[in-house]
Amino acid sequence: MALLVCTWVVVPAQEDQRREIPGAATVSGAPAEEGATANQPLPVPGEPGRDPVPVLDEEYFLPDLSIEEMPEIPPGGEPRPAPVPSPAQAEPVPVVPAPDETGYVVAPSLQLLGAEVFSGQRAELKWTAGQSFGGRTLDVPVLVAHGLKVGPVLCLTAAVHGDELNGVEIVRRVIGDLEPKDLSGTVIGVPIVNLLGFLRGSRYLPDRRDLNRYFPGNPRGSAASRIAYLFFEQIIRHCNYLVDFHTGSLDRTNLPQLRADLSDPGVFEFTQHFGATAVLHHDGATGTLRRVASEAGIPAVTFELGEPRTLQIEHVDFGVLAVDTLIDKLGMMKRSRLWAEKQPVFYASRWVRSDQGGILITNVKLGAKVGEGDVLGTVTNPLSTEVMQVRSPFNGRVLGMALNQFVLPGFAAFHIGIATREPDELMKAEMESGTRAPSAPDRPDTEDAPELEEGAGERSEYD
């Protein structure tokens, strides 16, 4: 067996002797040896003939990393990678979804309200609409059905006026009946937008403001402006189409109908996807959700059905049928829905008012076709037998009317739509009859102040 012997040679260190490497700092301020150059190594004193110490070039040395930049080494593991550039510094890499085996493009995940919803799934998110009087956050449910395939984003909103209930059930049913794995695109539903009004059974917010007159809102404005701003920026901006559900206001009821600005080509095309649902041309009051959405390039309509403070199943069924037809027409999901009638379109409408105070009793039903001179209802003096008949001054169809109640002179009792697809013909006919022909339908009242006492006017009938 061979024995290997290692011998260590110890060289005594000499005090104050230094070896300097080019580019390195001098230790303790000691100068370099005289005669040494930048590229010539210094010999070890006292050892003549020994090979000189090799010199390391500058590029050999490690960069001057701070402690924060040095990668940590986990115990028993490999060194961690160095920090990567921040998203602001790095160039974004676009992700292009690839078609699946059926040829459809699989949808990427949806980012909404700080959450991620994966394709082919549904989720219930929370939208924070501000705070209550007690300082608690107002968390409003947001229902999402995110399809497996790419497609448009359809938004359904209801209860912007807190006492209008039919739309709440329509949104719930539509979202609940969707199968995300069969859906192309996304449906976002907000059943109760005005949670503060809904909890009080009121059309308005607690400060008596109408939320549907304050869009797109202001983050530093009134409570209504702040809620409107948060809703529009955090949810509506994500939509490609918008359907905002409403009912009649202040003890009135409406035939199921779309309110839309038919002068907008995108909105006009959108209204043709709701089956036989009636359409009334109206550009929308300033500050309404649908008007602001349309101005932002999002085709939007108001869908009116029925009366406030009650749930009317016949109107809910109609609304669900119409939205199912819309989803089919947009190519989002196959929905076989048949309509027996053609879609009526009204470019103008008029309110018929009572000229006497008393008890209003209606004689017609919603949707009824009426001719000039037909009796729409009666107003009876409760203290006498005097009865006044309310007659229609023109031909048309009953789009809305007041419920039976006590009324004052001038009360807007019946809303008559004038059926024609040619606004010019309508204007000509009205000029001959001596009546005015505005481009938008008459409002029940002319006041437009947003701060109304609850139940203090009829001008809010439109949206």
Protein backbone atom coordinates (compact mmCIF):
# COMPACT_ATOMS: atom_id res chain seq x y z
CA MET A 1 0.00 0.00 0.00
CA ALA A 2 1.44 3.40 -0.99
CA LEU A 3 1.47 6.11 1.60
CA LEU A 4 0.84 9.65 0.42
CA VAL A 5 2.52 12.32 2.53
CA CYS A 6 1.54 16.00 2.22
CA THR A 7 3.87 18.69 3.46
CA TRP A 8 2.74 22.19 4.33
CA VAL A 9 5.23 25.03 3.92
CA VAL A 10 4.53 28.02 6.14
CA VAL A 11 5.88 31.37 4.96
CA PRO A 12 6.19 33.87 7.81
CA ALA A 13 4.24 37.02 7.23
CA GLN A 14 6.22 40.23 7.30
CA GLU A 15 4.69 43.26 8.85
CA ASP A 16 3.60 46.15 6.64
CA GLN A 17 4.26 44.20 3.45
CA ARG A 18 1.53 44.66 0.78
CA ARG A 19 0.76 43.18 -2.61
CA GLU A 20 -1.29 45.46 -4.83
CA ILE A 21 -3.55 44.37 -7.63
CA PRO A 22 -4.17 46.89 -10.42
CA GLY A 23 -7.47 48.64 -10.05
CA ALA A 24 -7.78 47.70 -6.35
CA ALA A 25 -7.74 50.30 -3.57
CA THR A 26 -4.69 50.70 -1.36
CA VAL A 27 -5.23 49.28 2.14
CA SER A 28 -4.77 51.66 5.09
CA GLY A 29 -3.51 54.31 2.73
CA ALA A 30 -0.18 52.46 2.03
CA PRO A 31 1.39 53.43 -1.31
CA ALA A 32 2.21 50.91 -3.99
CA GLU A 33 5.80 49.71 -4.48
CA GLU A 34 7.93 52.04 -6.46
CA GLY A 35 8.54 50.92 -9.98
CA ALA A 36 5.38 48.89 -10.21
CA THR A 37 3.22 49.54 -13.21
CA ALA A 38 -0.44 48.97 -13.87
CA ASN A 39 0.25 45.75 -15.78
CA GLN A 40 3.31 44.46 -13.85
CA PRO A 41 2.80 42.23 -10.79
CA LEU A 42 4.79 42.84 -7.65
CA PRO A 43 7.22 40.05 -6.54
CA VAL A 44 7.00 38.57 -3.08
CA PRO A 45 9.79 40.18 -1.01
CA GLY A 46 12.47 37.75 0.23
CA GLU A 47 11.73 35.08 -2.41
CA PRO A 48 13.83 35.84 -5.43
CA GLY A 49 13.26 33.66 -8.47
CA ARG A 50 9.75 32.61 -7.45
CA ASP A 51 7.06 32.88 -10.09
CA PRO A 52 5.26 36.20 -9.81
CA VAL A 53 1.74 36.32 -8.43
CA PRO A 54 -0.78 36.19 -11.31
CA VAL A 55 -2.71 39.37 -12.02
CA LEU A 56 -6.54 39.32 -12.44
CA ASP A 57 -8.01 41.60 -15.07
CA GLU A 58 -10.72 44.06 -14.08
CA GLU A 59 -13.43 42.20 -16.01
CA TYR A 60 -12.82 39.15 -13.87
CA PHE A 61 -14.08 40.76 -10.69
CA LEU A 62 -17.74 40.49 -9.61
CA PRO A 63 -19.89 43.61 -10.05
CA ASP A 64 -20.33 45.83 -7.04
CA LEU A 65 -23.66 44.39 -5.81
CA SER A 66 -25.39 45.80 -2.77
CA ILE A 67 -26.72 43.48 -0.10
CA GLU A 68 -30.29 44.03 -1.31
CA GLU A 69 -29.35 42.92 -4.83
CA MET A 70 -27.49 39.76 -3.76
CA PRO A 71 -29.68 36.68 -4.24
CA GLU A 72 -30.43 34.75 -1.09
CA ILE A 73 -29.50 31.09 -0.83
CA PRO A 74 -32.18 29.09 0.96
CA PRO A 75 -30.90 26.42 3.33
CA GLY A 76 -30.06 23.27 1.40
CA GLY A 77 -31.31 24.75 -1.90
CA GLU A 78 -30.08 26.40 -5.04
CA PRO A 79 -29.49 30.17 -5.21
CA ARG A 80 -32.63 32.15 -5.94
CA PRO A 81 -32.76 34.05 -9.22
CA ALA A 82 -31.92 37.74 -9.23
CA PRO A 83 -34.85 40.19 -9.06
CA VAL A 84 -36.68 40.67 -12.35
CA PRO A 85 -37.62 44.11 -13.70
CA SER A 86 -40.91 45.61 -12.49
CA PRO A 87 -43.99 45.42 -14.78
CA ALA A 88 -43.54 49.10 -15.60
CA GLN A 89 -40.01 48.37 -16.90
CA ALA A 90 -40.73 45.09 -18.64
CA GLU A 91 -42.37 45.00 -22.06
CA PRO A 92 -45.82 43.33 -21.90
CA VAL A 93 -46.10 40.12 -23.84
CA PRO A 94 -49.53 39.79 -25.50
CA VAL A 95 -51.27 36.50 -24.88
CA VAL A 96 -53.22 35.28 -27.89
CA PRO A 97 -55.72 32.54 -26.97
CA ALA A 98 -55.44 29.48 -29.18
CA PRO A 99 -58.47 27.78 -30.74
CA ASP A 100 -59.59 24.55 -29.12
CA GLU A 101 -60.37 21.33 -30.97
CA THR A 102 -63.78 22.70 -32.09
CA GLY A 103 -62.24 25.78 -33.69
CA TYR A 104 -63.47 28.19 -31.01
CA VAL A 105 -61.06 30.52 -29.23
CA VAL A 106 -60.89 29.79 -25.52
CA ALA A 107 -61.52 32.93 -23.47
CA PRO A 108 -58.83 34.23 -21.11
CA SER A 109 -59.69 34.75 -17.45
CA LEU A 110 -61.73 37.85 -16.53
CA GLN A 111 -60.25 40.48 -14.22
CA LEU A 112 -63.04 42.35 -12.41
CA LEU A 113 -63.28 44.11 -9.04
CA GLY A 114 -59.87 42.80 -8.00
CA ALA A 115 -60.86 39.18 -8.63
CA GLU A 116 -60.07 36.68 -11.35
CA VAL A 117 -62.83 34.60 -12.91
CA PHE A 118 -61.62 31.72 -15.06
CA SER A 119 -63.27 30.84 -18.35
CA GLY A 120 -66.20 28.44 -18.11
CA GLN A 121 -67.01 29.45 -14.53
CA ARG A 122 -69.46 31.62 -12.64
CA ALA A 123 -68.71 33.79 -9.62
CA GLU A 124 -70.36 36.15 -7.15
CA LEU A 125 -68.19 39.21 -6.60
CA LYS A 126 -68.63 42.24 -4.37
CA TRP A 127 -68.78 45.84 -5.53
CA THR A 128 -68.21 48.37 -2.74
CA ALA A 129 -70.65 51.23 -3.25
CA GLY A 130 -69.36 53.45 -0.44
CA GLN A 131 -70.42 53.51 3.19
CA SER A 132 -73.59 53.53 5.24
CA PHE A 133 -74.50 56.01 7.98
CA GLY A 134 -72.71 53.72 10.44
CA GLY A 135 -69.49 53.79 8.45
CA ARG A 136 -69.86 50.21 7.23
CA THR A 137 -68.98 49.40 3.64
CA LEU A 138 -71.86 48.77 1.25
CA ASP A 139 -71.03 45.51 -0.52
CA VAL A 140 -73.30 44.97 -3.53
CA PRO A 141 -73.45 41.48 -5.12
CA VAL A 142 -72.21 41.23 -8.71
CA LEU A 143 -73.10 38.00 -10.55
CA VAL A 144 -70.73 36.86 -13.29
CA ALA A 145 -71.04 34.06 -15.85
CA HIS A 146 -67.75 33.95 -17.76
CA GLY A 147 -68.00 31.83 -20.89
CA LEU A 148 -65.54 29.23 -22.02
CA LYS A 149 -65.25 30.90 -25.43
CA VAL A 150 -64.50 34.49 -26.36
CA GLY A 151 -67.40 36.83 -27.05
CA PRO A 152 -69.00 40.14 -26.01
CA VAL A 153 -69.54 41.33 -22.44
CA LEU A 154 -73.23 41.93 -21.74
CA CYS A 155 -74.13 43.84 -18.56
CA LEU A 156 -77.54 43.66 -16.89
CA THR A 157 -78.37 46.19 -14.17
CA ALA A 158 -81.47 46.66 -12.04
CA ALA A 159 -82.79 48.66 -9.07
CA VAL A 160 -80.92 51.84 -9.92
CA HIS A 161 -84.16 53.10 -8.44
CA GLY A 162 -84.47 51.20 -5.19
CA ASP A 163 -88.22 50.53 -5.37
CA GLU A 164 -88.23 48.93 -8.83
CA LEU A 165 -88.24 45.19 -8.28
CA ASN A 166 -89.08 43.41 -11.54
CA GLY A 167 -85.59 43.83 -12.94
CA VAL A 168 -84.02 42.32 -9.82
CA GLU A 169 -85.69 38.99 -10.47
CA ILE A 170 -85.01 39.15 -14.22
CA VAL A 171 -81.27 39.54 -13.67
CA ARG A 172 -81.23 36.75 -11.10
CA ARG A 173 -83.06 34.31 -13.38
CA VAL A 174 -81.04 35.09 -16.51
CA ILE A 175 -77.66 34.65 -14.78
CA GLY A 176 -78.85 31.54 -12.94
CA ASP A 177 -80.00 29.83 -16.15
CA LEU A 178 -76.71 30.33 -18.00
CA GLU A 179 -74.20 27.50 -18.42
CA PRO A 180 -70.76 29.17 -18.66
CA LYS A 181 -69.22 26.21 -20.48
CA ASP A 182 -71.70 26.76 -23.33
CA LEU A 183 -71.38 30.54 -23.29
CA SER A 184 -69.37 32.68 -25.71
CA GLY A 185 -68.53 35.87 -23.88
CA THR A 186 -69.51 37.13 -20.45
CA VAL A 187 -72.71 38.20 -18.72
CA ILE A 188 -72.30 40.52 -15.73
CA GLY A 189 -75.40 41.12 -13.62
CA VAL A 190 -75.93 43.66 -10.83
CA PRO A 191 -79.44 42.96 -9.48
CA ILE A 192 -79.45 45.84 -6.96
CA VAL A 193 -77.40 48.90 -7.87
CA ASN A 194 -79.01 51.33 -5.42
CA LEU A 195 -78.68 49.24 -2.27
CA LEU A 196 -79.40 52.17 0.07
CA GLY A 197 -82.67 52.92 -1.71
CA PHE A 198 -83.59 49.24 -1.95
CA LEU A 199 -83.20 48.70 1.80
CA ARG A 200 -85.54 51.65 2.43
CA GLY A 201 -88.02 50.69 -0.29
CA SER A 202 -87.34 54.07 -1.88
CA ARG A 203 -86.71 55.20 -5.44
CA TYR A 204 -84.10 57.66 -4.18
CA LEU A 205 -80.94 57.65 -2.12
CA PRO A 206 -81.17 58.72 1.54
CA ASP A 207 -80.21 62.28 0.53
CA ARG A 208 -83.30 62.27 -1.76
CA ARG A 209 -81.22 62.34 -4.92
CA ASP A 210 -82.07 60.25 -7.97
CA LEU A 211 -79.00 58.10 -8.68
CA ASN A 212 -80.03 57.84 -12.33
CA ARG A 213 -79.37 61.55 -12.87
CA TYR A 214 -75.75 61.59 -11.68
CA PHE A 215 -73.79 59.40 -14.10
CA PRO A 216 -70.89 59.26 -14.88
CA GLY A 217 -70.40 60.67 -11.40
CA ASN A 218 -67.69 62.51 -9.54
CA PRO A 219 -65.30 60.94 -6.97
CA ARG A 220 -65.41 64.14 -4.90
CA GLY A 221 -69.07 65.04 -5.38
CA SER A 222 -72.26 64.20 -3.49
CA ALA A 223 -73.08 60.71 -2.28
CA ALA A 224 -75.01 60.07 -5.51
CA SER A 225 -72.10 61.31 -7.63
CA ARG A 226 -69.59 59.12 -5.79
CA ILE A 227 -71.71 55.98 -6.08
CA ALA A 228 -72.34 56.69 -9.77
CA TYR A 229 -68.62 57.23 -10.39
CA LEU A 230 -67.57 53.98 -8.70
CA PHE A 231 -70.23 51.97 -10.52
CA PHE A 232 -69.48 53.40 -13.93
CA GLU A 233 -65.69 53.14 -13.67
CA GLN A 234 -65.45 49.77 -11.94
CA ILE A 235 -68.19 47.88 -13.78
CA ILE A 236 -69.78 49.64 -16.77
CA ARG A 237 -66.42 50.38 -18.39
CA HIS A 238 -65.99 46.60 -18.79
CA CYS A 239 -69.23 46.22 -20.79
CA ASN A 240 -69.75 45.94 -24.54
CA TYR A 241 -73.56 46.16 -24.20
CA LEU A 242 -75.84 47.36 -21.40
CA VAL A 243 -79.47 46.65 -20.47
CA ASP A 244 -80.71 48.75 -17.53
CA PHE A 245 -84.03 47.49 -16.09
CA HIS A 246 -86.65 49.89 -14.73
CA THR A 247 -90.38 50.12 -14.02
CA GLY A 248 -92.89 52.93 -14.07
CA SER A 249 -92.45 55.54 -11.35
CA LEU A 250 -94.72 57.09 -8.77
CA ASP A 251 -97.81 54.84 -9.05
CA ARG A 252 -97.54 54.32 -12.79
CA THR A 253 -97.08 51.17 -14.83
CA ASN A 254 -95.36 50.60 -18.17
CA LEU A 255 -95.84 48.20 -21.04
CA PRO A 256 -92.61 46.20 -21.53
CA GLN A 257 -90.59 48.47 -23.78
CA LEU A 258 -87.09 49.62 -24.64
CA ARG A 259 -86.12 53.28 -24.29
CA ALA A 260 -83.29 53.98 -26.71
CA ASP A 261 -81.65 56.69 -28.78
CA LEU A 262 -82.48 55.41 -32.25
CA SER A 263 -80.34 58.11 -33.86
CA ASP A 264 -77.29 56.14 -32.71
CA PRO A 265 -76.66 53.36 -35.29
CA GLY A 266 -75.10 51.02 -32.74
CA VAL A 267 -78.02 51.45 -30.35
CA PHE A 268 -80.56 51.08 -33.16
CA GLU A 269 -79.03 47.74 -34.18
CA PHE A 270 -78.93 46.63 -30.54
CA THR A 271 -82.68 47.21 -30.10
CA GLN A 272 -83.45 44.78 -32.91
CA HIS A 273 -82.26 41.80 -30.85
CA PHE A 274 -85.08 41.78 -28.25
CA GLY A 275 -87.79 39.99 -30.20
CA ALA A 276 -91.14 41.78 -30.37
CA THR A 277 -90.39 44.14 -27.47
CA ALA A 278 -91.70 47.64 -28.22
CA VAL A 279 -89.14 50.40 -28.74
CA LEU A 280 -89.61 54.08 -27.89
CA HIS A 281 -87.12 56.59 -29.26
CA HIS A 282 -85.72 58.88 -26.58
CA ASP A 283 -82.19 60.16 -26.17
CA GLY A 284 -82.38 59.89 -22.38
CA ALA A 285 -82.24 62.54 -19.68
CA THR A 286 -78.91 64.07 -18.74
CA GLY A 287 -77.07 61.89 -16.23
CA THR A 288 -78.97 58.66 -16.94
CA LEU A 289 -76.90 55.49 -17.02
CA ARG A 290 -77.92 54.45 -20.54
CA ARG A 291 -77.26 57.87 -22.04
CA VAL A 292 -73.78 58.15 -20.52
CA ALA A 293 -72.96 54.56 -21.49
CA SER A 294 -74.05 55.20 -25.09
CA GLU A 295 -71.95 58.36 -25.19
CA ALA A 296 -69.00 56.26 -24.01
CA GLY A 297 -69.44 53.92 -26.99
CA ILE A 298 -71.39 51.20 -25.15
CA PRO A 299 -74.77 50.52 -26.84
CA ALA A 300 -77.32 50.77 -24.04
CA VAL A 301 -81.08 50.63 -23.55
CA THR A 302 -83.49 51.10 -20.69
CA PHE A 303 -85.89 48.17 -20.37
CA GLU A 304 -89.16 49.28 -18.74
CA LEU A 305 -91.53 46.66 -17.32
CA GLY A 306 -94.51 47.15 -15.03
CA GLU A 307 -94.88 49.17 -11.85
CA PRO A 308 -92.76 49.88 -8.75
CA ARG A 309 -92.86 48.29 -5.28
CA THR A 310 -94.26 44.98 -6.50
CA LEU A 311 -93.02 41.84 -8.23
CA GLN A 312 -95.05 41.08 -11.35
CA ILE A 313 -94.30 37.60 -12.63
CA GLU A 314 -95.88 38.20 -16.05
CA HIS A 315 -93.44 41.06 -16.66
CA VAL A 316 -90.53 39.07 -15.25
CA ASP A 317 -91.29 36.21 -17.66
CA PHE A 318 -91.44 38.67 -20.56
CA GLY A 319 -88.11 40.22 -19.58
CA VAL A 320 -86.36 36.85 -19.29
CA LEU A 321 -87.69 35.84 -22.72
CA ALA A 322 -86.45 39.08 -24.28
CA VAL A 323 -82.96 38.82 -22.75
CA ASP A 324 -82.68 35.16 -23.78
CA THR A 325 -83.49 36.28 -27.33
CA LEU A 326 -80.81 38.98 -27.04
CA ILE A 327 -78.19 36.46 -25.90
CA ASP A 328 -79.05 34.27 -28.88
CA LYS A 329 -78.93 37.16 -31.38
CA LEU A 330 -75.54 38.31 -30.04
CA GLY A 331 -74.17 34.82 -30.72
CA MET A 332 -73.39 34.18 -27.07
CA MET A 333 -75.52 31.05 -26.59
CA LYS A 334 -78.16 29.18 -28.55
CA ARG A 335 -81.60 30.12 -27.23
CA SER A 336 -84.62 29.05 -29.28
CA ARG A 337 -87.22 31.75 -28.64
CA LEU A 338 -90.21 32.44 -30.91
CA TRP A 339 -92.19 35.68 -31.12
CA ALA A 340 -95.63 35.85 -32.70
CA GLU A 341 -95.62 39.61 -33.34
CA LYS A 342 -93.39 42.09 -35.10
CA GLN A 343 -91.47 44.62 -33.08
CA PRO A 344 -93.36 47.95 -32.86
CA VAL A 345 -91.25 51.11 -32.95
CA PHE A 346 -92.42 54.52 -31.72
CA TYR A 347 -90.53 57.65 -32.64
CA ALA A 348 -92.71 59.90 -30.48
CA SER A 349 -95.21 59.74 -27.65
CA ARG A 350 -97.60 62.01 -25.73
CA TRP A 351 -98.95 62.21 -22.23
CA VAL A 352 -102.70 62.66 -21.88
CA ARG A 353 -103.50 64.68 -18.75
CA SER A 354 -106.51 65.04 -16.56
CA ASP A 355 -108.23 68.43 -16.60
CA GLN A 356 -110.07 67.78 -13.34
CA GLY A 357 -109.23 66.62 -9.87
CA GLY A 358 -110.81 63.49 -8.46
CA ILE A 359 -110.67 59.69 -8.62
CA LEU A 360 -108.99 58.32 -11.75
CA ILE A 361 -110.44 55.05 -13.05
CA THR A 362 -108.77 53.61 -16.16
CA ASN A 363 -110.77 51.98 -18.97
CA VAL A 364 -107.90 50.62 -21.11
CA LYS A 365 -105.10 48.14 -20.65
CA LEU A 366 -101.40 48.40 -21.33
CA GLY A 367 -100.62 47.81 -24.98
CA ALA A 368 -104.12 48.65 -26.17
CA LYS A 369 -104.43 50.35 -29.55
CA VAL A 370 -106.48 53.53 -29.33
CA GLY A 371 -107.87 55.97 -31.85
CA GLU A 372 -108.49 59.67 -31.70
CA GLY A 373 -111.45 60.37 -29.41
CA ASP A 374 -111.40 56.98 -27.63
CA VAL A 375 -112.17 57.10 -23.90
CA LEU A 376 -109.08 56.15 -21.88
CA GLY A 377 -110.58 56.60 -18.42
CA THR A 378 -112.69 58.78 -16.16
CA VAL A 379 -112.05 61.21 -13.30
CA THR A 380 -114.89 61.41 -10.77
CA ASN A 381 -115.39 64.22 -8.26
CA PRO A 382 -115.50 62.40 -4.89
CA LEU A 383 -117.91 64.98 -3.44
CA SER A 384 -120.42 64.96 -6.28
CA THR A 385 -121.61 62.87 -9.19
CA GLU A 386 -119.65 64.88 -11.74
CA VAL A 387 -117.63 62.62 -14.07
CA MET A 388 -115.10 63.76 -16.68
CA GLN A 389 -113.97 61.49 -19.49
CA VAL A 390 -110.30 61.38 -20.47
CA ARG A 391 -110.06 60.91 -24.25
CA SER A 392 -107.13 60.26 -26.55
CA PRO A 393 -106.36 63.20 -28.85
CA PHE A 394 -104.58 61.00 -31.42
CA ASN A 395 -104.11 57.45 -32.68
CA GLY A 396 -101.55 55.25 -31.00
CA ARG A 397 -100.89 52.60 -28.41
CA VAL A 398 -100.95 52.74 -24.60
CA LEU A 399 -97.32 52.46 -23.48
CA GLY A 400 -97.91 53.48 -19.88
CA MET A 401 -100.56 54.78 -17.53
CA ALA A 402 -101.25 55.78 -13.98
CA LEU A 403 -102.72 53.30 -11.54
CA ASN A 404 -106.20 54.06 -10.20
CA GLN A 405 -105.77 56.85 -7.66
CA PHE A 406 -106.74 60.37 -6.62
CA VAL A 407 -105.35 62.95 -9.05
CA LEU A 408 -105.05 66.71 -9.42
CA PRO A 409 -105.78 68.72 -12.57
CA GLY A 410 -102.84 68.39 -14.98
CA PHE A 411 -101.92 64.91 -13.78
CA ALA A 412 -100.23 62.80 -16.51
CA ALA A 413 -102.56 59.82 -16.72
CA PHE A 414 -101.92 57.99 -20.01
CA HIS A 415 -98.76 57.65 -22.09
CA ILE A 416 -99.58 57.08 -25.77
CA GLY A 417 -96.97 55.98 -28.30
CA ILE A 418 -97.39 57.11 -31.89
CA ALA A 419 -96.53 54.21 -34.18
CA THR A 420 -94.47 55.15 -37.22
CA ARG A 421 -91.05 54.30 -38.57
CA GLU A 422 -90.81 57.58 -40.41
CA PRO A 423 -90.29 60.56 -38.07
CA ASP A 424 -90.66 63.00 -40.97
CA GLU A 425 -94.18 61.78 -41.69
CA LEU A 426 -95.04 62.15 -38.02
CA MET A 427 -93.78 65.73 -37.93
CA LYS A 428 -95.74 66.58 -41.08
CA ALA A 429 -98.95 65.16 -39.65
CA GLU A 430 -98.53 67.04 -36.38
CA MET A 431 -97.80 70.31 -38.14
CA GLU A 432 -101.04 69.94 -40.07
CA SER A 433 -102.94 69.22 -36.85
CA GLY A 434 -101.32 72.16 -35.05
CA THR A 435 -99.57 70.07 -32.38
CA ARG A 436 -95.85 70.23 -31.72
CA ALA A 437 -93.47 67.45 -32.75
CA PRO A 438 -90.37 67.28 -30.55
CA SER A 439 -87.58 64.88 -31.41
CA ALA A 440 -87.93 63.17 -28.02
CA PRO A 441 -91.13 62.13 -26.23
CA ASP A 442 -92.95 64.49 -23.93
CA ARG A 443 -92.02 64.29 -20.27
CA PRO A 444 -94.72 64.16 -17.63
CA ASP A 445 -93.39 67.37 -16.08
CA THR A 446 -90.75 69.86 -17.21
CA GLU A 447 -88.77 70.31 -13.98
CA ASP A 448 -85.27 68.88 -14.16
CA ALA A 449 -83.86 69.61 -10.71
CA PRO A 450 -82.18 66.48 -9.35
CA GLU A 451 -82.97 67.13 -5.69
CA LEU A 452 -86.66 66.21 -5.56
CA GLU A 453 -88.68 65.37 -2.53
CA GLU A 454 -89.78 61.77 -2.78
CA GLY A 455 -92.93 61.56 -4.87
CA ALA A 456 -92.78 65.28 -5.72
CA GLY A 457 -93.01 65.03 -9.49
CA GLU A 458 -93.56 62.98 -12.62
CA ARG A 459 -90.60 64.09 -14.69
CA SER A 460 -88.60 61.00 -13.67
CA GLU A 461 -90.87 58.76 -15.72
CA TYR A 462 -88.21 58.55 -18.43
CA ASP A 463 -85.50 56.23 -17.09
